[in-house]
Amino acid sequence: MSNEDRFVDIEIKLAHQEDLVESLNQMVYQQSRRIDQLEAMVAGLAEHIRTNAQSGPGPLNEPPPHY
């Protein structure tokens, strides 16, 4: 195998590595955005629970009307 063939092989491998790194970077970015969305959702749910807990027992704690 000549030096030129080796360089071409290395360039091909480098191009594949660059594509892979770009794909992984995009995936990490998308997952980061999704994590941000989920954290906001959890914070909203926690606030909702806190608000409902402070308002005292509500209809959920009362027995159904047929009792």
PDB file of N, CA and C in Angstrom:
ATOM      1  N   MET A   1       0.852  -1.167   0.000  1.00  0.00           N
ATOM      2  CA  MET A   1       0.000   0.000   0.000  1.00  0.00           C
ATOM      3  C   MET A   1       0.905   1.239   0.000  1.00  0.00           C
ATOM      4  N   SER A   2       0.651   2.128  -0.937  1.00  0.00           N
ATOM      5  CA  SER A   2       1.478   3.338  -1.049  1.00  0.00           C
ATOM      6  C   SER A   2       1.044   4.377  -0.019  1.00  0.00           C
ATOM      7  N   ASN A   3       1.897   5.366   0.142  1.00  0.00           N
ATOM      8  CA  ASN A   3       1.578   6.449   1.073  1.00  0.00           C
ATOM      9  C   ASN A   3       0.314   7.189   0.646  1.00  0.00           C
ATOM     10  N   GLU A   4       0.151   7.372  -0.658  1.00  0.00           N
ATOM     11  CA  GLU A   4      -1.040   8.067  -1.148  1.00  0.00           C
ATOM     12  C   GLU A   4      -2.301   7.288  -0.806  1.00  0.00           C
ATOM     13  N   ASP A   5      -2.267   5.964  -0.972  1.00  0.00           N
ATOM     14  CA  ASP A   5      -3.418   5.120  -0.620  1.00  0.00           C
ATOM     15  C   ASP A   5      -3.718   5.216   0.875  1.00  0.00           C
ATOM     16  N   ARG A   6      -2.678   5.253   1.671  1.00  0.00           N
ATOM     17  CA  ARG A   6      -2.856   5.357   3.119  1.00  0.00           C
ATOM     18  C   ARG A   6      -3.490   6.697   3.482  1.00  0.00           C
ATOM     19  N   PHE A   7      -3.031   7.775   2.826  1.00  0.00           N
ATOM     20  CA  PHE A   7      -3.604   9.098   3.095  1.00  0.00           C
ATOM     21  C   PHE A   7      -5.080   9.159   2.693  1.00  0.00           C
ATOM     22  N   VAL A   8      -5.403   8.567   1.559  1.00  0.00           N
ATOM     23  CA  VAL A   8      -6.799   8.538   1.112  1.00  0.00           C
ATOM     24  C   VAL A   8      -7.640   7.766   2.123  1.00  0.00           C
ATOM     25  N   ASP A   9      -7.127   6.636   2.594  1.00  0.00           N
ATOM     26  CA  ASP A   9      -7.846   5.839   3.582  1.00  0.00           C
ATOM     27  C   ASP A   9      -8.057   6.636   4.872  1.00  0.00           C
ATOM     28  N   ILE A  10      -7.024   7.337   5.297  1.00  0.00           N
ATOM     29  CA  ILE A  10      -7.138   8.160   6.508  1.00  0.00           C
ATOM     30  C   ILE A  10      -8.144   9.284   6.298  1.00  0.00           C
ATOM     31  N   GLU A  11      -8.147   9.910   5.150  1.00  0.00           N
ATOM     32  CA  GLU A  11      -9.097  10.994   4.863  1.00  0.00           C
ATOM     33  C   GLU A  11     -10.537  10.467   4.861  1.00  0.00           C
ATOM     34  N   ILE A  12     -10.734   9.287   4.321  1.00  0.00           N
ATOM     35  CA  ILE A  12     -12.075   8.683   4.319  1.00  0.00           C
ATOM     36  C   ILE A  12     -12.524   8.405   5.752  1.00  0.00           C
ATOM     37  N   LYS A  13     -11.637   7.824   6.547  1.00  0.00           N
ATOM     38  CA  LYS A  13     -11.980   7.551   7.943  1.00  0.00           C
ATOM     39  C   LYS A  13     -12.257   8.842   8.704  1.00  0.00           C
ATOM     40  N   LEU A  14     -11.485   9.879   8.439  1.00  0.00           N
ATOM     41  CA  LEU A  14     -11.689  11.168   9.101  1.00  0.00           C
ATOM     42  C   LEU A  14     -13.055  11.759   8.725  1.00  0.00           C
ATOM     43  N   ALA A  15     -13.417  11.654   7.470  1.00  0.00           N
ATOM     44  CA  ALA A  15     -14.715  12.166   7.029  1.00  0.00           C
ATOM     45  C   ALA A  15     -15.852  11.433   7.738  1.00  0.00           C
ATOM     46  N   HIS A  16     -15.724  10.113   7.879  1.00  0.00           N
ATOM     47  CA  HIS A  16     -16.738   9.337   8.594  1.00  0.00           C
ATOM     48  C   HIS A  16     -16.792   9.740  10.062  1.00  0.00           C
ATOM     49  N   GLN A  17     -15.635   9.961  10.657  1.00  0.00           N
ATOM     50  CA  GLN A  17     -15.590  10.383  12.060  1.00  0.00           C
ATOM     51  C   GLN A  17     -16.246  11.751  12.238  1.00  0.00           C
ATOM     52  N   GLU A  18     -15.997  12.669  11.320  1.00  0.00           N
ATOM     53  CA  GLU A  18     -16.615  13.995  11.397  1.00  0.00           C
ATOM     54  C   GLU A  18     -18.132  13.901  11.286  1.00  0.00           C
ATOM     55  N   ASP A  19     -18.616  13.051  10.397  1.00  0.00           N
ATOM     56  CA  ASP A  19     -20.069  12.845  10.266  1.00  0.00           C
ATOM     57  C   ASP A  19     -20.651  12.268  11.557  1.00  0.00           C
ATOM     58  N   LEU A  20     -19.955  11.301  12.128  1.00  0.00           N
ATOM     59  CA  LEU A  20     -20.420  10.681  13.362  1.00  0.00           C
ATOM     60  C   LEU A  20     -20.449  11.698  14.505  1.00  0.00           C
ATOM     61  N   VAL A  21     -19.403  12.500  14.622  1.00  0.00           N
ATOM     62  CA  VAL A  21     -19.350  13.512  15.676  1.00  0.00           C
ATOM     63  C   VAL A  21     -20.479  14.516  15.492  1.00  0.00           C
ATOM     64  N   GLU A  22     -20.755  14.925  14.277  1.00  0.00           N
ATOM     65  CA  GLU A  22     -21.845  15.866  14.013  1.00  0.00           C
ATOM     66  C   GLU A  22     -23.193  15.249  14.374  1.00  0.00           C
ATOM     67  N   SER A  23     -23.397  13.991  14.039  1.00  0.00           N
ATOM     68  CA  SER A  23     -24.642  13.302  14.387  1.00  0.00           C
ATOM     69  C   SER A  23     -24.806  13.198  15.902  1.00  0.00           C
ATOM     70  N   LEU A  24     -23.739  12.846  16.587  1.00  0.00           N
ATOM     71  CA  LEU A  24     -23.804  12.742  18.043  1.00  0.00           C
ATOM     72  C   LEU A  24     -24.040  14.108  18.679  1.00  0.00           C
ATOM     73  N   ASN A  25     -23.420  15.142  18.142  1.00  0.00           N
ATOM     74  CA  ASN A  25     -23.620  16.494  18.645  1.00  0.00           C
ATOM     75  C   ASN A  25     -25.079  16.913  18.494  1.00  0.00           C
ATOM     76  N   GLN A  26     -25.682  16.610  17.359  1.00  0.00           N
ATOM     77  CA  GLN A  26     -27.087  16.940  17.133  1.00  0.00           C
ATOM     78  C   GLN A  26     -27.983  16.189  18.108  1.00  0.00           C
ATOM     79  N   MET A  27     -27.666  14.929  18.357  1.00  0.00           N
ATOM     80  CA  MET A  27     -28.454  14.129  19.283  1.00  0.00           C
ATOM     81  C   MET A  27     -28.343  14.687  20.706  1.00  0.00           C
ATOM     82  N   VAL A  28     -27.152  15.063  21.119  1.00  0.00           N
ATOM     83  CA  VAL A  28     -26.962  15.646  22.452  1.00  0.00           C
ATOM     84  C   VAL A  28     -27.745  16.948  22.566  1.00  0.00           C
ATOM     85  N   TYR A  29     -27.731  17.756  21.521  1.00  0.00           N
ATOM     86  CA  TYR A  29     -28.469  19.028  21.523  1.00  0.00           C
ATOM     87  C   TYR A  29     -29.974  18.773  21.687  1.00  0.00           C
ATOM     88  N   GLN A  30     -30.506  17.827  20.922  1.00  0.00           N
ATOM     89  CA  GLN A  30     -31.933  17.509  21.002  1.00  0.00           C
ATOM     90  C   GLN A  30     -32.297  16.961  22.383  1.00  0.00           C
ATOM     91  N   GLN A  31     -31.441  16.111  22.935  1.00  0.00           N
ATOM     92  CA  GLN A  31     -31.715  15.570  24.260  1.00  0.00           C
ATOM     93  C   GLN A  31     -31.658  16.666  25.320  1.00  0.00           C
ATOM     94  N   SER A  32     -30.754  17.600  25.166  1.00  0.00           N
ATOM     95  CA  SER A  32     -30.656  18.717  26.099  1.00  0.00           C
ATOM     96  C   SER A  32     -31.928  19.559  26.069  1.00  0.00           C
ATOM     97  N   ARG A  33     -32.433  19.823  24.879  1.00  0.00           N
ATOM     98  CA  ARG A  33     -33.689  20.570  24.761  1.00  0.00           C
ATOM     99  C   ARG A  33     -34.835  19.806  25.408  1.00  0.00           C
ATOM    100  N   ARG A  34     -34.888  18.512  25.189  1.00  0.00           N
ATOM    101  CA  ARG A  34     -35.963  17.692  25.766  1.00  0.00           C
ATOM    102  C   ARG A  34     -35.858  17.672  27.289  1.00  0.00           C
ATOM    103  N   ILE A  35     -34.651  17.579  27.812  1.00  0.00           N
ATOM    104  CA  ILE A  35     -34.454  17.604  29.260  1.00  0.00           C
ATOM    105  C   ILE A  35     -34.940  18.932  29.819  1.00  0.00           C
ATOM    106  N   ASP A  36     -34.639  20.034  29.133  1.00  0.00           N
ATOM    107  CA  ASP A  36     -35.118  21.350  29.575  1.00  0.00           C
ATOM    108  C   ASP A  36     -36.645  21.385  29.621  1.00  0.00           C
ATOM    109  N   GLN A  37     -37.289  20.818  28.595  1.00  0.00           N
ATOM    110  CA  GLN A  37     -38.749  20.777  28.558  1.00  0.00           C
ATOM    111  C   GLN A  37     -39.295  19.947  29.717  1.00  0.00           C
ATOM    112  N   LEU A  38     -38.694  18.798  29.958  1.00  0.00           N
ATOM    113  CA  LEU A  38     -39.162  17.921  31.036  1.00  0.00           C
ATOM    114  C   LEU A  38     -38.947  18.557  32.404  1.00  0.00           C
ATOM    115  N   GLU A  39     -37.821  19.254  32.577  1.00  0.00           N
ATOM    116  CA  GLU A  39     -37.585  19.939  33.850  1.00  0.00           C
ATOM    117  C   GLU A  39     -38.640  21.019  34.082  1.00  0.00           C
ATOM    118  N   ALA A  40     -38.984  21.752  33.029  1.00  0.00           N
ATOM    119  CA  ALA A  40     -40.020  22.779  33.160  1.00  0.00           C
ATOM    120  C   ALA A  40     -41.358  22.132  33.500  1.00  0.00           C
ATOM    121  N   MET A  41     -41.653  20.989  32.898  1.00  0.00           N
ATOM    122  CA  MET A  41     -42.907  20.289  33.170  1.00  0.00           C
ATOM    123  C   MET A  41     -42.947  19.808  34.626  1.00  0.00           C
ATOM    124  N   VAL A  42     -41.854  19.258  35.098  1.00  0.00           N
ATOM    125  CA  VAL A  42     -41.792  18.783  36.478  1.00  0.00           C
ATOM    126  C   VAL A  42     -41.947  19.955  37.443  1.00  0.00           C
ATOM    127  N   ALA A  43     -41.304  21.075  37.142  1.00  0.00           N
ATOM    128  CA  ALA A  43     -41.434  22.255  38.001  1.00  0.00           C
ATOM    129  C   ALA A  43     -42.882  22.728  38.036  1.00  0.00           C
ATOM    130  N   GLY A  44     -43.551  22.719  36.885  1.00  0.00           N
ATOM    131  CA  GLY A  44     -44.956  23.107  36.835  1.00  0.00           C
ATOM    132  C   GLY A  44     -45.840  22.164  37.630  1.00  0.00           C
ATOM    133  N   LEU A  45     -45.582  20.869  37.516  1.00  0.00           N
ATOM    134  CA  LEU A  45     -46.353  19.892  38.284  1.00  0.00           C
ATOM    135  C   LEU A  45     -46.106  20.038  39.781  1.00  0.00           C
ATOM    136  N   ALA A  46     -44.861  20.284  40.159  1.00  0.00           N
ATOM    137  CA  ALA A  46     -44.543  20.472  41.577  1.00  0.00           C
ATOM    138  C   ALA A  46     -45.260  21.702  42.112  1.00  0.00           C
ATOM    139  N   GLU A  47     -45.280  22.775  41.336  1.00  0.00           N
ATOM    140  CA  GLU A  47     -45.985  23.986  41.754  1.00  0.00           C
ATOM    141  C   GLU A  47     -47.481  23.727  41.868  1.00  0.00           C
ATOM    142  N   HIS A  48     -48.022  22.983  40.937  1.00  0.00           N
ATOM    143  CA  HIS A  48     -49.450  22.627  40.972  1.00  0.00           C
ATOM    144  C   HIS A  48     -49.769  21.829  42.237  1.00  0.00           C
ATOM    145  N   ILE A  49     -48.939  20.872  42.556  1.00  0.00           N
ATOM    146  CA  ILE A  49     -49.145  20.052  43.754  1.00  0.00           C
ATOM    147  C   ILE A  49     -49.031  20.918  45.004  1.00  0.00           C
ATOM    148  N   ARG A  50     -48.029  21.788  45.035  1.00  0.00           N
ATOM    149  CA  ARG A  50     -47.855  22.681  46.181  1.00  0.00           C
ATOM    150  C   ARG A  50     -49.073  23.584  46.369  1.00  0.00           C
ATOM    151  N   THR A  51     -49.567  24.120  45.279  1.00  0.00           N
ATOM    152  CA  THR A  51     -50.732  25.009  45.332  1.00  0.00           C
ATOM    153  C   THR A  51     -51.962  24.253  45.831  1.00  0.00           C
ATOM    154  N   ASN A  52     -52.176  23.060  45.317  1.00  0.00           N
ATOM    155  CA  ASN A  52     -53.339  22.274  45.737  1.00  0.00           C
ATOM    156  C   ASN A  52     -53.211  21.801  47.176  1.00  0.00           C
ATOM    157  N   ALA A  53     -52.023  21.500  47.632  1.00  0.00           N
ATOM    158  CA  ALA A  53     -51.822  21.049  49.006  1.00  0.00           C
ATOM    159  C   ALA A  53     -52.093  22.188  49.979  1.00  0.00           C
ATOM    160  N   GLN A  54     -51.790  23.416  49.600  1.00  0.00           N
ATOM    161  CA  GLN A  54     -51.989  24.568  50.471  1.00  0.00           C
ATOM    162  C   GLN A  54     -53.462  24.982  50.536  1.00  0.00           C
ATOM    163  N   SER A  55     -54.226  24.633  49.527  1.00  0.00           N
ATOM    164  CA  SER A  55     -55.629  25.042  49.512  1.00  0.00           C
ATOM    165  C   SER A  55     -56.495  24.146  50.394  1.00  0.00           C
ATOM    166  N   GLY A  56     -55.915  23.154  51.003  1.00  0.00           N
ATOM    167  CA  GLY A  56     -56.653  22.288  51.919  1.00  0.00           C
ATOM    168  C   GLY A  56     -57.316  21.146  51.190  1.00  0.00           C
ATOM    169  N   PRO A  57     -58.027  20.327  51.954  1.00  0.00           N
ATOM    170  CA  PRO A  57     -58.683  19.175  51.312  1.00  0.00           C
ATOM    171  C   PRO A  57     -59.757  19.648  50.344  1.00  0.00           C
ATOM    172  N   GLY A  58     -59.782  19.032  49.234  1.00  0.00           N
ATOM    173  CA  GLY A  58     -60.744  19.397  48.202  1.00  0.00           C
ATOM    174  C   GLY A  58     -61.666  18.255  47.901  1.00  0.00           C
ATOM    175  N   PRO A  59     -62.339  18.330  46.800  1.00  0.00           N
ATOM    176  CA  PRO A  59     -63.302  17.294  46.430  1.00  0.00           C
ATOM    177  C   PRO A  59     -62.676  15.913  46.280  1.00  0.00           C
ATOM    178  N   LEU A  60     -61.386  15.843  46.021  1.00  0.00           N
ATOM    179  CA  LEU A  60     -60.754  14.541  45.860  1.00  0.00           C
ATOM    180  C   LEU A  60     -60.736  13.776  47.185  1.00  0.00           C
ATOM    181  N   ASN A  61     -60.751  14.487  48.307  1.00  0.00           N
ATOM    182  CA  ASN A  61     -60.687  13.830  49.608  1.00  0.00           C
ATOM    183  C   ASN A  61     -62.066  13.556  50.197  1.00  0.00           C
ATOM    184  N   GLU A  62     -63.091  14.020  49.558  1.00  0.00           N
ATOM    185  CA  GLU A  62     -64.452  13.807  50.054  1.00  0.00           C
ATOM    186  C   GLU A  62     -64.991  12.493  49.501  1.00  0.00           C
ATOM    187  N   PRO A  63     -65.823  11.806  50.275  1.00  0.00           N
ATOM    188  CA  PRO A  63     -66.404  10.566  49.754  1.00  0.00           C
ATOM    189  C   PRO A  63     -67.380  10.880  48.624  1.00  0.00           C
ATOM    190  N   PRO A  64     -67.589   9.963  47.738  1.00  0.00           N
ATOM    191  CA  PRO A  64     -68.548  10.184  46.655  1.00  0.00           C
ATOM    192  C   PRO A  64     -69.948  10.426  47.216  1.00  0.00           C
ATOM    193  N   PRO A  65     -70.823  11.078  46.481  1.00  0.00           N
ATOM    194  CA  PRO A  65     -72.156  11.438  46.965  1.00  0.00           C
ATOM    195  C   PRO A  65     -73.012  10.245  47.361  1.00  0.00           C
ATOM    196  N   HIS A  66     -72.764   9.073  46.836  1.00  0.00           N
ATOM    197  CA  HIS A  66     -73.623   7.923  47.145  1.00  0.00           C
ATOM    198  C   HIS A  66     -73.333   7.308  48.503  1.00  0.00           C
ATOM    199  N   TYR A  67     -72.392   7.839  49.274  1.00  0.00           N
ATOM    200  CA  TYR A  67     -72.113   7.301  50.613  1.00  0.00           C
ATOM    201  C   TYR A  67     -72.949   7.981  51.643  1.00  0.00           C
TER     202      TYR A  67
END
